[in-house]
Amino acid sequence: MNAPAPTLRKGRKVEQVLSGAREIFLRDGFEGASVDDIAKAAGVSKATLYSYFSDKRQLFAEVVTSECDRMATEIVGQLDEAAPVREQLLMAACGAAKFLVSNFAQRIFRICLAERDRFPELSIAYYESGPLNGHHQICHHLQKSVECGELKIDDVEMAAWQFSELCKTRLFIRANFGVQTEFSEEEIHEVAIAAVDTFMARYGA
């Protein structure tokens, strides 16, 4: 089953609806979230909400897509392509690790897992706008570093997936199981440095 196709609509009302939906989905989950509560949180009528989004699944997909795109843009926007590859990777690793353990990412991840069998399109929407989108961004930057001679990588696709997994070290599993809910900048930076050190040891030119 394909995910509902988000269109990333623009405008003040749309932003109100997405903000309200984000609040309610994070509070009540997907199944527990009602359109009435979303409309109330957004400060719009149900008719207005339905004029932009056909159903709750499409609204959820667009909330996920818009937030993931915002985070990806923020992380990529901080990268200085003129900087040494190690600095670029460290910045990307810090941004990725911080997002993965954020309240939004953790709650959405759990919602998607809980609803995977009934609504697989929700998981697909998160995968495509989150992990897969990030993967494409990493591939782009790794390929440029290979072309500049800073990295030596035969399979950029595989290396990009490996880099993403390194950024999850220790933090992601602890967040998933609720062992730890707050992560300091120092913890995130430590994991990011270890991820980049390992990656550079394997692929540094």
N, C-alpha and C. Protein backbone atom coordinates (compact mmCIF):
# COMPACT_ATOMS: atom_id res chain seq x y z
N MET A 1 0.84 -1.20 0.00
CA MET A 1 0.00 0.00 0.00
C MET A 1 0.87 1.24 0.00
N ASN A 2 0.53 2.18 -0.85
CA ASN A 2 1.30 3.41 -0.93
C ASN A 2 0.86 4.39 0.14
N ALA A 3 1.79 5.24 0.54
CA ALA A 3 1.47 6.28 1.52
C ALA A 3 0.64 7.35 0.87
N PRO A 4 -0.26 8.01 1.63
CA PRO A 4 -0.98 9.16 1.08
C PRO A 4 0.02 10.23 0.69
N ALA A 5 -0.18 10.80 -0.46
CA ALA A 5 0.82 11.73 -0.99
C ALA A 5 0.67 13.11 -0.38
N PRO A 6 1.63 13.53 0.47
CA PRO A 6 1.57 14.88 1.03
C PRO A 6 1.83 15.91 -0.05
N THR A 7 1.16 17.06 0.05
CA THR A 7 1.32 18.10 -0.94
C THR A 7 2.01 19.33 -0.38
N LEU A 8 2.21 19.36 0.93
CA LEU A 8 2.84 20.50 1.59
C LEU A 8 2.18 21.82 1.17
N ARG A 9 0.89 21.95 1.51
CA ARG A 9 0.15 23.17 1.20
C ARG A 9 0.70 24.33 2.03
N LYS A 10 0.46 25.54 1.56
CA LYS A 10 0.99 26.72 2.23
C LYS A 10 -0.16 27.65 2.65
N GLY A 11 0.15 28.52 3.58
CA GLY A 11 -0.83 29.50 4.01
C GLY A 11 -1.04 29.45 5.51
N ARG A 12 -1.58 30.57 6.06
CA ARG A 12 -1.75 30.69 7.51
C ARG A 12 -2.67 29.62 8.05
N LYS A 13 -3.80 29.38 7.38
CA LYS A 13 -4.76 28.39 7.85
C LYS A 13 -4.15 26.98 7.84
N VAL A 14 -3.40 26.70 6.79
CA VAL A 14 -2.77 25.39 6.69
C VAL A 14 -1.79 25.19 7.84
N GLU A 15 -1.01 26.23 8.12
CA GLU A 15 -0.06 26.14 9.23
C GLU A 15 -0.78 25.96 10.56
N GLN A 16 -1.93 26.60 10.72
CA GLN A 16 -2.72 26.42 11.93
C GLN A 16 -3.17 24.97 12.07
N VAL A 17 -3.66 24.41 10.97
CA VAL A 17 -4.14 23.02 11.00
C VAL A 17 -3.00 22.06 11.31
N LEU A 18 -1.86 22.25 10.67
CA LEU A 18 -0.71 21.37 10.90
C LEU A 18 -0.21 21.49 12.34
N SER A 19 -0.20 22.70 12.87
CA SER A 19 0.23 22.91 14.25
C SER A 19 -0.71 22.21 15.23
N GLY A 20 -2.02 22.38 14.99
CA GLY A 20 -3.00 21.72 15.84
C GLY A 20 -2.92 20.21 15.74
N ALA A 21 -2.76 19.71 14.52
CA ALA A 21 -2.67 18.27 14.31
C ALA A 21 -1.42 17.70 14.97
N ARG A 22 -0.32 18.42 14.86
CA ARG A 22 0.93 17.97 15.49
C ARG A 22 0.72 17.81 17.00
N GLU A 23 0.09 18.81 17.61
CA GLU A 23 -0.16 18.78 19.05
C GLU A 23 -1.02 17.57 19.45
N ILE A 24 -2.09 17.33 18.72
CA ILE A 24 -3.02 16.26 19.08
C ILE A 24 -2.45 14.88 18.77
N PHE A 25 -1.77 14.74 17.64
CA PHE A 25 -1.17 13.43 17.32
C PHE A 25 -0.12 13.05 18.36
N LEU A 26 0.70 14.01 18.77
CA LEU A 26 1.73 13.71 19.76
C LEU A 26 1.11 13.41 21.13
N ARG A 27 -0.01 14.02 21.41
CA ARG A 27 -0.67 13.80 22.69
C ARG A 27 -1.47 12.50 22.73
N ASP A 28 -2.24 12.23 21.64
CA ASP A 28 -3.20 11.13 21.66
C ASP A 28 -2.86 9.96 20.75
N GLY A 29 -1.76 10.09 19.97
CA GLY A 29 -1.48 9.04 19.00
C GLY A 29 -2.35 9.21 17.76
N PHE A 30 -2.23 8.28 16.82
CA PHE A 30 -3.02 8.41 15.59
C PHE A 30 -4.46 7.98 15.81
N GLU A 31 -4.65 6.79 16.34
CA GLU A 31 -6.00 6.27 16.52
C GLU A 31 -6.79 7.10 17.52
N GLY A 32 -6.13 7.57 18.57
CA GLY A 32 -6.82 8.34 19.60
C GLY A 32 -7.12 9.77 19.23
N ALA A 33 -6.46 10.28 18.20
CA ALA A 33 -6.66 11.67 17.78
C ALA A 33 -7.99 11.82 17.04
N SER A 34 -8.79 12.77 17.43
CA SER A 34 -10.05 13.01 16.72
C SER A 34 -9.94 14.28 15.90
N VAL A 35 -10.66 14.29 14.79
CA VAL A 35 -10.66 15.47 13.92
C VAL A 35 -11.25 16.67 14.66
N ASP A 36 -12.22 16.42 15.54
CA ASP A 36 -12.81 17.50 16.33
C ASP A 36 -11.74 18.17 17.21
N ASP A 37 -10.92 17.35 17.87
CA ASP A 37 -9.87 17.89 18.73
C ASP A 37 -8.81 18.63 17.92
N ILE A 38 -8.49 18.09 16.74
CA ILE A 38 -7.51 18.75 15.89
C ILE A 38 -8.01 20.11 15.44
N ALA A 39 -9.26 20.17 15.01
CA ALA A 39 -9.85 21.43 14.56
C ALA A 39 -9.87 22.44 15.71
N LYS A 40 -10.22 21.96 16.90
CA LYS A 40 -10.26 22.85 18.06
C LYS A 40 -8.88 23.38 18.39
N ALA A 41 -7.87 22.49 18.40
CA ALA A 41 -6.50 22.92 18.70
C ALA A 41 -5.98 23.89 17.65
N ALA A 42 -6.43 23.71 16.41
CA ALA A 42 -5.98 24.57 15.31
C ALA A 42 -6.75 25.89 15.25
N GLY A 43 -7.89 25.95 15.93
CA GLY A 43 -8.69 27.16 15.89
C GLY A 43 -9.42 27.35 14.57
N VAL A 44 -9.80 26.21 13.94
CA VAL A 44 -10.53 26.27 12.68
C VAL A 44 -11.74 25.35 12.76
N SER A 45 -12.62 25.47 11.81
CA SER A 45 -13.78 24.58 11.76
C SER A 45 -13.39 23.27 11.08
N LYS A 46 -14.19 22.22 11.30
CA LYS A 46 -13.94 20.95 10.62
C LYS A 46 -14.05 21.12 9.11
N ALA A 47 -14.95 21.98 8.69
CA ALA A 47 -15.11 22.22 7.25
C ALA A 47 -13.84 22.80 6.65
N THR A 48 -13.22 23.73 7.40
CA THR A 48 -11.96 24.31 6.92
C THR A 48 -10.87 23.25 6.86
N LEU A 49 -10.81 22.43 7.90
CA LEU A 49 -9.80 21.36 7.94
C LEU A 49 -9.96 20.43 6.73
N TYR A 50 -11.20 20.02 6.48
CA TYR A 50 -11.44 19.09 5.37
C TYR A 50 -11.28 19.74 4.00
N SER A 51 -11.28 21.07 3.97
CA SER A 51 -11.05 21.73 2.68
C SER A 51 -9.59 21.61 2.26
N TYR A 52 -8.71 21.33 3.22
CA TYR A 52 -7.29 21.17 2.93
C TYR A 52 -6.84 19.71 2.93
N PHE A 53 -7.45 18.91 3.79
CA PHE A 53 -7.01 17.51 3.96
C PHE A 53 -8.21 16.58 3.88
N SER A 54 -8.09 15.54 3.07
CA SER A 54 -9.23 14.67 2.82
C SER A 54 -9.56 13.77 4.01
N ASP A 55 -8.55 13.38 4.79
CA ASP A 55 -8.80 12.53 5.95
C ASP A 55 -7.64 12.62 6.94
N LYS A 56 -7.78 11.91 8.04
CA LYS A 56 -6.79 11.99 9.12
C LYS A 56 -5.44 11.42 8.69
N ARG A 57 -5.47 10.40 7.85
CA ARG A 57 -4.21 9.80 7.39
C ARG A 57 -3.39 10.79 6.57
N GLN A 58 -4.06 11.51 5.68
CA GLN A 58 -3.34 12.49 4.86
C GLN A 58 -2.79 13.60 5.74
N LEU A 59 -3.54 13.99 6.75
CA LEU A 59 -3.10 15.04 7.66
C LEU A 59 -1.87 14.57 8.47
N PHE A 60 -1.92 13.34 8.94
CA PHE A 60 -0.78 12.80 9.68
C PHE A 60 0.46 12.76 8.79
N ALA A 61 0.29 12.29 7.57
CA ALA A 61 1.42 12.19 6.64
C ALA A 61 2.03 13.57 6.39
N GLU A 62 1.18 14.59 6.29
CA GLU A 62 1.71 15.92 6.01
C GLU A 62 2.39 16.54 7.23
N VAL A 63 1.87 16.25 8.42
CA VAL A 63 2.54 16.69 9.64
C VAL A 63 3.94 16.11 9.69
N VAL A 64 4.06 14.81 9.44
CA VAL A 64 5.36 14.13 9.47
C VAL A 64 6.29 14.70 8.41
N THR A 65 5.77 14.83 7.19
CA THR A 65 6.59 15.31 6.08
C THR A 65 7.10 16.73 6.31
N SER A 66 6.22 17.61 6.76
CA SER A 66 6.62 19.00 6.96
C SER A 66 7.66 19.13 8.06
N GLU A 67 7.51 18.35 9.14
CA GLU A 67 8.47 18.42 10.24
C GLU A 67 9.82 17.83 9.83
N CYS A 68 9.80 16.69 9.16
CA CYS A 68 11.05 16.07 8.71
C CYS A 68 11.77 16.94 7.69
N ASP A 69 11.01 17.56 6.79
CA ASP A 69 11.62 18.46 5.81
C ASP A 69 12.23 19.68 6.49
N ARG A 70 11.54 20.17 7.51
CA ARG A 70 12.06 21.33 8.25
C ARG A 70 13.38 20.99 8.93
N MET A 71 13.43 19.81 9.56
CA MET A 71 14.65 19.40 10.24
C MET A 71 15.78 19.15 9.25
N ALA A 72 15.46 18.51 8.13
CA ALA A 72 16.49 18.23 7.12
C ALA A 72 17.06 19.54 6.57
N THR A 73 16.18 20.50 6.30
CA THR A 73 16.62 21.80 5.80
C THR A 73 17.50 22.52 6.81
N GLU A 74 17.12 22.40 8.08
CA GLU A 74 17.89 23.04 9.14
C GLU A 74 19.29 22.43 9.26
N ILE A 75 19.36 21.11 9.22
CA ILE A 75 20.65 20.42 9.34
C ILE A 75 21.54 20.72 8.14
N VAL A 76 20.97 20.56 6.94
CA VAL A 76 21.75 20.79 5.72
C VAL A 76 22.17 22.25 5.62
N GLY A 77 21.30 23.16 6.08
CA GLY A 77 21.62 24.58 6.01
C GLY A 77 22.80 24.98 6.87
N GLN A 78 23.11 24.15 7.86
CA GLN A 78 24.24 24.44 8.74
C GLN A 78 25.56 23.92 8.18
N LEU A 79 25.48 23.09 7.16
CA LEU A 79 26.70 22.51 6.60
C LEU A 79 27.43 23.51 5.73
N ASP A 80 28.72 23.62 5.94
CA ASP A 80 29.57 24.48 5.13
C ASP A 80 30.35 23.59 4.16
N GLU A 81 29.93 23.61 2.90
CA GLU A 81 30.55 22.71 1.92
C GLU A 81 32.01 23.05 1.67
N ALA A 82 32.45 24.21 2.10
CA ALA A 82 33.86 24.59 1.94
C ALA A 82 34.70 24.05 3.10
N ALA A 83 34.03 23.58 4.15
CA ALA A 83 34.75 23.07 5.33
C ALA A 83 35.26 21.66 5.05
N PRO A 84 36.27 21.20 5.79
CA PRO A 84 36.76 19.83 5.65
C PRO A 84 35.62 18.84 5.88
N VAL A 85 35.71 17.68 5.23
CA VAL A 85 34.63 16.71 5.30
C VAL A 85 34.36 16.26 6.73
N ARG A 86 35.38 16.18 7.55
CA ARG A 86 35.17 15.76 8.93
C ARG A 86 34.25 16.73 9.68
N GLU A 87 34.44 18.02 9.45
CA GLU A 87 33.59 19.02 10.10
C GLU A 87 32.15 18.90 9.61
N GLN A 88 31.99 18.67 8.32
CA GLN A 88 30.65 18.52 7.76
C GLN A 88 29.95 17.30 8.35
N LEU A 89 30.68 16.19 8.43
CA LEU A 89 30.09 14.97 8.97
C LEU A 89 29.73 15.12 10.44
N LEU A 90 30.57 15.82 11.18
CA LEU A 90 30.29 16.01 12.61
C LEU A 90 29.03 16.84 12.80
N MET A 91 28.87 17.87 12.01
CA MET A 91 27.68 18.69 12.09
C MET A 91 26.43 17.87 11.74
N ALA A 92 26.55 17.07 10.68
CA ALA A 92 25.42 16.23 10.26
C ALA A 92 25.09 15.18 11.31
N ALA A 93 26.11 14.59 11.91
CA ALA A 93 25.90 13.56 12.92
C ALA A 93 25.22 14.14 14.16
N CYS A 94 25.65 15.31 14.59
CA CYS A 94 25.03 15.96 15.75
C CYS A 94 23.56 16.27 15.46
N GLY A 95 23.29 16.80 14.28
CA GLY A 95 21.92 17.14 13.91
C GLY A 95 21.03 15.92 13.83
N ALA A 96 21.55 14.84 13.22
CA ALA A 96 20.77 13.62 13.07
C ALA A 96 20.48 12.98 14.42
N ALA A 97 21.51 12.86 15.26
CA ALA A 97 21.34 12.25 16.58
C ALA A 97 20.35 13.04 17.43
N LYS A 98 20.46 14.35 17.37
CA LYS A 98 19.56 15.21 18.16
C LYS A 98 18.11 15.03 17.72
N PHE A 99 17.90 14.94 16.42
CA PHE A 99 16.54 14.76 15.90
C PHE A 99 15.98 13.39 16.28
N LEU A 100 16.80 12.35 16.17
CA LEU A 100 16.35 10.99 16.43
C LEU A 100 15.84 10.78 17.85
N VAL A 101 16.41 11.52 18.80
CA VAL A 101 15.97 11.37 20.20
C VAL A 101 15.02 12.49 20.63
N SER A 102 14.63 13.33 19.68
CA SER A 102 13.69 14.41 20.01
C SER A 102 12.32 13.83 20.34
N ASN A 103 11.53 14.58 21.08
CA ASN A 103 10.19 14.13 21.45
C ASN A 103 9.35 13.83 20.21
N PHE A 104 9.43 14.71 19.21
CA PHE A 104 8.64 14.51 17.99
C PHE A 104 9.02 13.20 17.31
N ALA A 105 10.30 12.99 17.04
CA ALA A 105 10.74 11.80 16.31
C ALA A 105 10.40 10.53 17.08
N GLN A 106 10.58 10.54 18.38
CA GLN A 106 10.30 9.37 19.19
C GLN A 106 8.80 9.05 19.22
N ARG A 107 7.96 10.06 19.40
CA ARG A 107 6.52 9.83 19.45
C ARG A 107 6.00 9.35 18.11
N ILE A 108 6.45 9.99 17.02
CA ILE A 108 5.99 9.59 15.69
C ILE A 108 6.46 8.18 15.36
N PHE A 109 7.70 7.85 15.73
CA PHE A 109 8.23 6.52 15.50
C PHE A 109 7.36 5.47 16.20
N ARG A 110 6.98 5.73 17.44
CA ARG A 110 6.17 4.78 18.19
C ARG A 110 4.75 4.67 17.62
N ILE A 111 4.21 5.81 17.18
CA ILE A 111 2.89 5.78 16.56
C ILE A 111 2.90 4.91 15.30
N CYS A 112 3.92 5.11 14.47
CA CYS A 112 4.01 4.37 13.22
C CYS A 112 4.17 2.87 13.47
N LEU A 113 4.96 2.51 14.47
CA LEU A 113 5.12 1.10 14.80
C LEU A 113 3.82 0.51 15.31
N ALA A 114 3.11 1.24 16.16
CA ALA A 114 1.86 0.76 16.74
C ALA A 114 0.78 0.56 15.67
N GLU A 115 0.79 1.41 14.65
CA GLU A 115 -0.24 1.36 13.62
C GLU A 115 0.23 0.68 12.34
N ARG A 116 1.40 0.07 12.38
CA ARG A 116 2.00 -0.48 11.15
C ARG A 116 1.10 -1.47 10.43
N ASP A 117 0.49 -2.39 11.16
CA ASP A 117 -0.32 -3.43 10.51
C ASP A 117 -1.64 -2.90 9.99
N ARG A 118 -2.26 -1.98 10.72
CA ARG A 118 -3.55 -1.43 10.28
C ARG A 118 -3.40 -0.34 9.25
N PHE A 119 -2.39 0.52 9.44
CA PHE A 119 -2.19 1.65 8.54
C PHE A 119 -0.73 1.71 8.09
N PRO A 120 -0.30 0.76 7.27
CA PRO A 120 1.11 0.74 6.85
C PRO A 120 1.54 2.00 6.11
N GLU A 121 0.58 2.72 5.53
CA GLU A 121 0.93 3.93 4.80
C GLU A 121 1.50 5.01 5.72
N LEU A 122 1.15 4.96 7.00
CA LEU A 122 1.69 5.94 7.94
C LEU A 122 3.19 5.72 8.14
N SER A 123 3.56 4.45 8.28
CA SER A 123 4.98 4.11 8.43
C SER A 123 5.76 4.46 7.17
N ILE A 124 5.13 4.23 6.03
CA ILE A 124 5.79 4.54 4.76
C ILE A 124 6.02 6.05 4.64
N ALA A 125 5.03 6.83 5.06
CA ALA A 125 5.16 8.29 5.01
C ALA A 125 6.32 8.74 5.86
N TYR A 126 6.44 8.17 7.06
CA TYR A 126 7.55 8.55 7.95
C TYR A 126 8.89 8.09 7.39
N TYR A 127 8.92 6.87 6.88
CA TYR A 127 10.17 6.35 6.32
C TYR A 127 10.65 7.21 5.16
N GLU A 128 9.74 7.58 4.27
CA GLU A 128 10.14 8.32 3.07
C GLU A 128 10.55 9.76 3.39
N SER A 129 9.84 10.40 4.30
CA SER A 129 10.16 11.80 4.60
C SER A 129 11.25 11.94 5.65
N GLY A 130 11.46 10.88 6.44
CA GLY A 130 12.48 10.91 7.48
C GLY A 130 13.75 10.17 7.06
N PRO A 131 13.87 8.88 7.38
CA PRO A 131 15.10 8.14 7.08
C PRO A 131 15.53 8.18 5.61
N LEU A 132 14.58 7.99 4.70
CA LEU A 132 14.97 7.95 3.28
C LEU A 132 15.39 9.32 2.78
N ASN A 133 14.68 10.36 3.20
CA ASN A 133 15.06 11.72 2.82
C ASN A 133 16.45 12.05 3.35
N GLY A 134 16.69 11.72 4.63
CA GLY A 134 18.02 11.95 5.20
C GLY A 134 19.09 11.17 4.48
N HIS A 135 18.75 9.95 4.08
CA HIS A 135 19.71 9.11 3.35
C HIS A 135 20.13 9.77 2.03
N HIS A 136 19.16 10.30 1.30
CA HIS A 136 19.47 10.96 0.03
C HIS A 136 20.37 12.18 0.25
N GLN A 137 20.10 12.92 1.32
CA GLN A 137 20.93 14.09 1.63
C GLN A 137 22.36 13.68 1.93
N ILE A 138 22.51 12.61 2.72
CA ILE A 138 23.85 12.13 3.07
C ILE A 138 24.58 11.64 1.81
N CYS A 139 23.87 10.90 0.98
CA CYS A 139 24.48 10.41 -0.27
C CYS A 139 25.03 11.56 -1.10
N HIS A 140 24.25 12.62 -1.21
CA HIS A 140 24.66 13.79 -2.00
C HIS A 140 25.98 14.36 -1.48
N HIS A 141 26.07 14.55 -0.17
CA HIS A 141 27.27 15.15 0.40
C HIS A 141 28.46 14.19 0.38
N LEU A 142 28.20 12.91 0.57
CA LEU A 142 29.30 11.94 0.50
C LEU A 142 29.86 11.87 -0.91
N GLN A 143 28.97 11.89 -1.91
CA GLN A 143 29.43 11.80 -3.29
C GLN A 143 30.30 13.00 -3.65
N LYS A 144 29.93 14.19 -3.19
CA LYS A 144 30.73 15.38 -3.47
C LYS A 144 32.11 15.27 -2.81
N SER A 145 32.15 14.69 -1.60
CA SER A 145 33.43 14.52 -0.90
C SER A 145 34.30 13.48 -1.59
N VAL A 146 33.67 12.47 -2.17
CA VAL A 146 34.41 11.47 -2.94
C VAL A 146 35.03 12.13 -4.17
N GLU A 147 34.23 12.94 -4.85
CA GLU A 147 34.70 13.60 -6.06
C GLU A 147 35.83 14.59 -5.76
N CYS A 148 35.82 15.14 -4.55
CA CYS A 148 36.89 16.07 -4.14
C CYS A 148 38.12 15.34 -3.62
N GLY A 149 38.01 14.03 -3.48
CA GLY A 149 39.14 13.25 -3.01
C GLY A 149 39.29 13.19 -1.50
N GLU A 150 38.28 13.67 -0.76
CA GLU A 150 38.36 13.66 0.70
C GLU A 150 37.94 12.32 1.29
N LEU A 151 37.12 11.58 0.55
CA LEU A 151 36.68 10.26 0.98
C LEU A 151 36.92 9.26 -0.14
N LYS A 152 37.11 8.01 0.24
CA LYS A 152 37.28 6.93 -0.73
C LYS A 152 36.20 5.90 -0.46
N ILE A 153 35.14 5.96 -1.27
CA ILE A 153 33.97 5.10 -1.06
C ILE A 153 33.58 4.46 -2.38
N ASP A 154 33.49 3.14 -2.38
CA ASP A 154 33.05 2.43 -3.58
C ASP A 154 31.52 2.38 -3.69
N ASP A 155 30.86 2.24 -2.55
CA ASP A 155 29.40 2.14 -2.53
C ASP A 155 28.85 3.25 -1.63
N VAL A 156 28.53 4.38 -2.23
CA VAL A 156 28.06 5.54 -1.47
C VAL A 156 26.73 5.25 -0.79
N GLU A 157 25.85 4.50 -1.45
CA GLU A 157 24.56 4.16 -0.86
C GLU A 157 24.75 3.41 0.45
N MET A 158 25.58 2.39 0.44
CA MET A 158 25.82 1.60 1.65
C MET A 158 26.49 2.45 2.73
N ALA A 159 27.47 3.26 2.34
CA ALA A 159 28.18 4.10 3.31
C ALA A 159 27.23 5.09 3.98
N ALA A 160 26.27 5.61 3.23
CA ALA A 160 25.32 6.56 3.79
C ALA A 160 24.44 5.89 4.84
N TRP A 161 23.99 4.66 4.56
CA TRP A 161 23.20 3.93 5.55
C TRP A 161 24.04 3.63 6.79
N GLN A 162 25.29 3.27 6.58
CA GLN A 162 26.17 3.00 7.72
C GLN A 162 26.36 4.23 8.59
N PHE A 163 26.53 5.37 7.95
CA PHE A 163 26.71 6.61 8.71
C PHE A 163 25.47 6.90 9.56
N SER A 164 24.29 6.71 8.99
CA SER A 164 23.05 6.94 9.73
C SER A 164 22.96 6.04 10.95
N GLU A 165 23.34 4.77 10.78
CA GLU A 165 23.28 3.84 11.91
C GLU A 165 24.28 4.21 12.99
N LEU A 166 25.45 4.67 12.60
CA LEU A 166 26.45 5.09 13.59
C LEU A 166 25.93 6.25 14.44
N CYS A 167 25.13 7.12 13.84
CA CYS A 167 24.59 8.27 14.57
C CYS A 167 23.56 7.85 15.62
N LYS A 168 23.06 6.63 15.52
CA LYS A 168 22.06 6.13 16.48
C LYS A 168 22.70 5.46 17.70
N THR A 169 23.99 5.23 17.64
CA THR A 169 24.67 4.43 18.66
C THR A 169 24.27 4.84 20.07
N ARG A 170 23.85 3.86 20.85
CA ARG A 170 23.51 4.00 22.27
C ARG A 170 22.28 4.86 22.52
N LEU A 171 22.18 6.01 21.86
CA LEU A 171 21.11 6.95 22.14
C LEU A 171 19.74 6.44 21.70
N PHE A 172 19.66 5.97 20.46
CA PHE A 172 18.37 5.64 19.85
C PHE A 172 17.66 4.51 20.58
N ILE A 173 18.38 3.46 20.91
CA ILE A 173 17.75 2.31 21.57
C ILE A 173 17.33 2.66 22.99
N ARG A 174 18.12 3.50 23.66
CA ARG A 174 17.75 3.91 25.01
C ARG A 174 16.49 4.78 24.98
N ALA A 175 16.38 5.62 23.95
CA ALA A 175 15.19 6.45 23.80
C ALA A 175 13.98 5.59 23.45
N ASN A 176 14.16 4.62 22.56
CA ASN A 176 13.06 3.76 22.13
C ASN A 176 12.41 3.01 23.29
N PHE A 177 13.23 2.51 24.20
CA PHE A 177 12.72 1.71 25.30
C PHE A 177 12.42 2.54 26.55
N GLY A 178 12.57 3.86 26.44
CA GLY A 178 12.27 4.72 27.56
C GLY A 178 13.25 4.63 28.71
N VAL A 179 14.42 4.03 28.43
CA VAL A 179 15.45 3.94 29.46
C VAL A 179 15.96 5.33 29.81
N GLN A 180 15.95 6.20 28.79
CA GLN A 180 16.40 7.58 28.97
C GLN A 180 15.52 8.48 28.11
N THR A 181 15.08 9.58 28.66
CA THR A 181 14.19 10.48 27.92
C THR A 181 14.80 11.85 27.66
N GLU A 182 15.85 12.18 28.36
CA GLU A 182 16.54 13.46 28.16
C GLU A 182 18.00 13.19 27.83
N PHE A 183 18.50 13.89 26.80
CA PHE A 183 19.87 13.69 26.35
C PHE A 183 20.58 15.04 26.28
N SER A 184 21.71 15.12 26.91
CA SER A 184 22.45 16.39 26.94
C SER A 184 23.19 16.60 25.62
N GLU A 185 23.58 17.86 25.39
CA GLU A 185 24.37 18.18 24.21
C GLU A 185 25.70 17.42 24.24
N GLU A 186 26.25 17.23 25.45
CA GLU A 186 27.52 16.52 25.60
C GLU A 186 27.38 15.07 25.17
N GLU A 187 26.28 14.41 25.55
CA GLU A 187 26.05 13.02 25.16
C GLU A 187 25.92 12.89 23.65
N ILE A 188 25.15 13.79 23.07
CA ILE A 188 24.93 13.76 21.62
C ILE A 188 26.25 14.01 20.89
N HIS A 189 27.01 14.97 21.37
CA HIS A 189 28.29 15.30 20.73
C HIS A 189 29.26 14.13 20.84
N GLU A 190 29.27 13.44 21.97
CA GLU A 190 30.15 12.29 22.15
C GLU A 190 29.85 11.19 21.14
N VAL A 191 28.57 10.90 20.96
CA VAL A 191 28.17 9.88 20.00
C VAL A 191 28.51 10.33 18.57
N ALA A 192 28.29 11.61 18.28
CA ALA A 192 28.59 12.13 16.94
C ALA A 192 30.07 12.02 16.62
N ILE A 193 30.92 12.36 17.58
CA ILE A 193 32.37 12.27 17.36
C ILE A 193 32.77 10.82 17.11
N ALA A 194 32.24 9.89 17.92
CA ALA A 194 32.56 8.48 17.74
C ALA A 194 32.10 7.98 16.37
N ALA A 195 30.92 8.45 15.93
CA ALA A 195 30.39 8.05 14.63
C ALA A 195 31.31 8.52 13.50
N VAL A 196 31.74 9.77 13.59
CA VAL A 196 32.61 10.33 12.55
C VAL A 196 33.99 9.68 12.58
N ASP A 197 34.52 9.44 13.77
CA ASP A 197 35.82 8.77 13.88
C ASP A 197 35.79 7.40 13.22
N THR A 198 34.74 6.64 13.50
CA THR A 198 34.59 5.29 12.92
C THR A 198 34.43 5.38 11.41
N PHE A 199 33.60 6.30 10.96
CA PHE A 199 33.35 6.44 9.53
C PHE A 199 34.61 6.86 8.78
N MET A 200 35.34 7.81 9.34
CA MET A 200 36.55 8.29 8.69
C MET A 200 37.66 7.22 8.69
N ALA A 201 37.68 6.41 9.75
CA ALA A 201 38.67 5.32 9.78
C ALA A 201 38.45 4.34 8.64
N ARG A 202 37.18 4.19 8.24
CA ARG A 202 36.86 3.26 7.14
C ARG A 202 36.94 3.94 5.77
N TYR A 203 36.51 5.18 5.67
CA TYR A 203 36.38 5.80 4.34
C TYR A 203 37.26 7.04 4.11
N GLY A 204 38.01 7.46 5.10
CA GLY A 204 38.88 8.61 4.89
C GLY A 204 39.92 8.34 3.79
N ALA A 205 40.12 9.31 2.93
CA ALA A 205 41.04 9.11 1.80
C ALA A 205 42.48 9.09 2.30
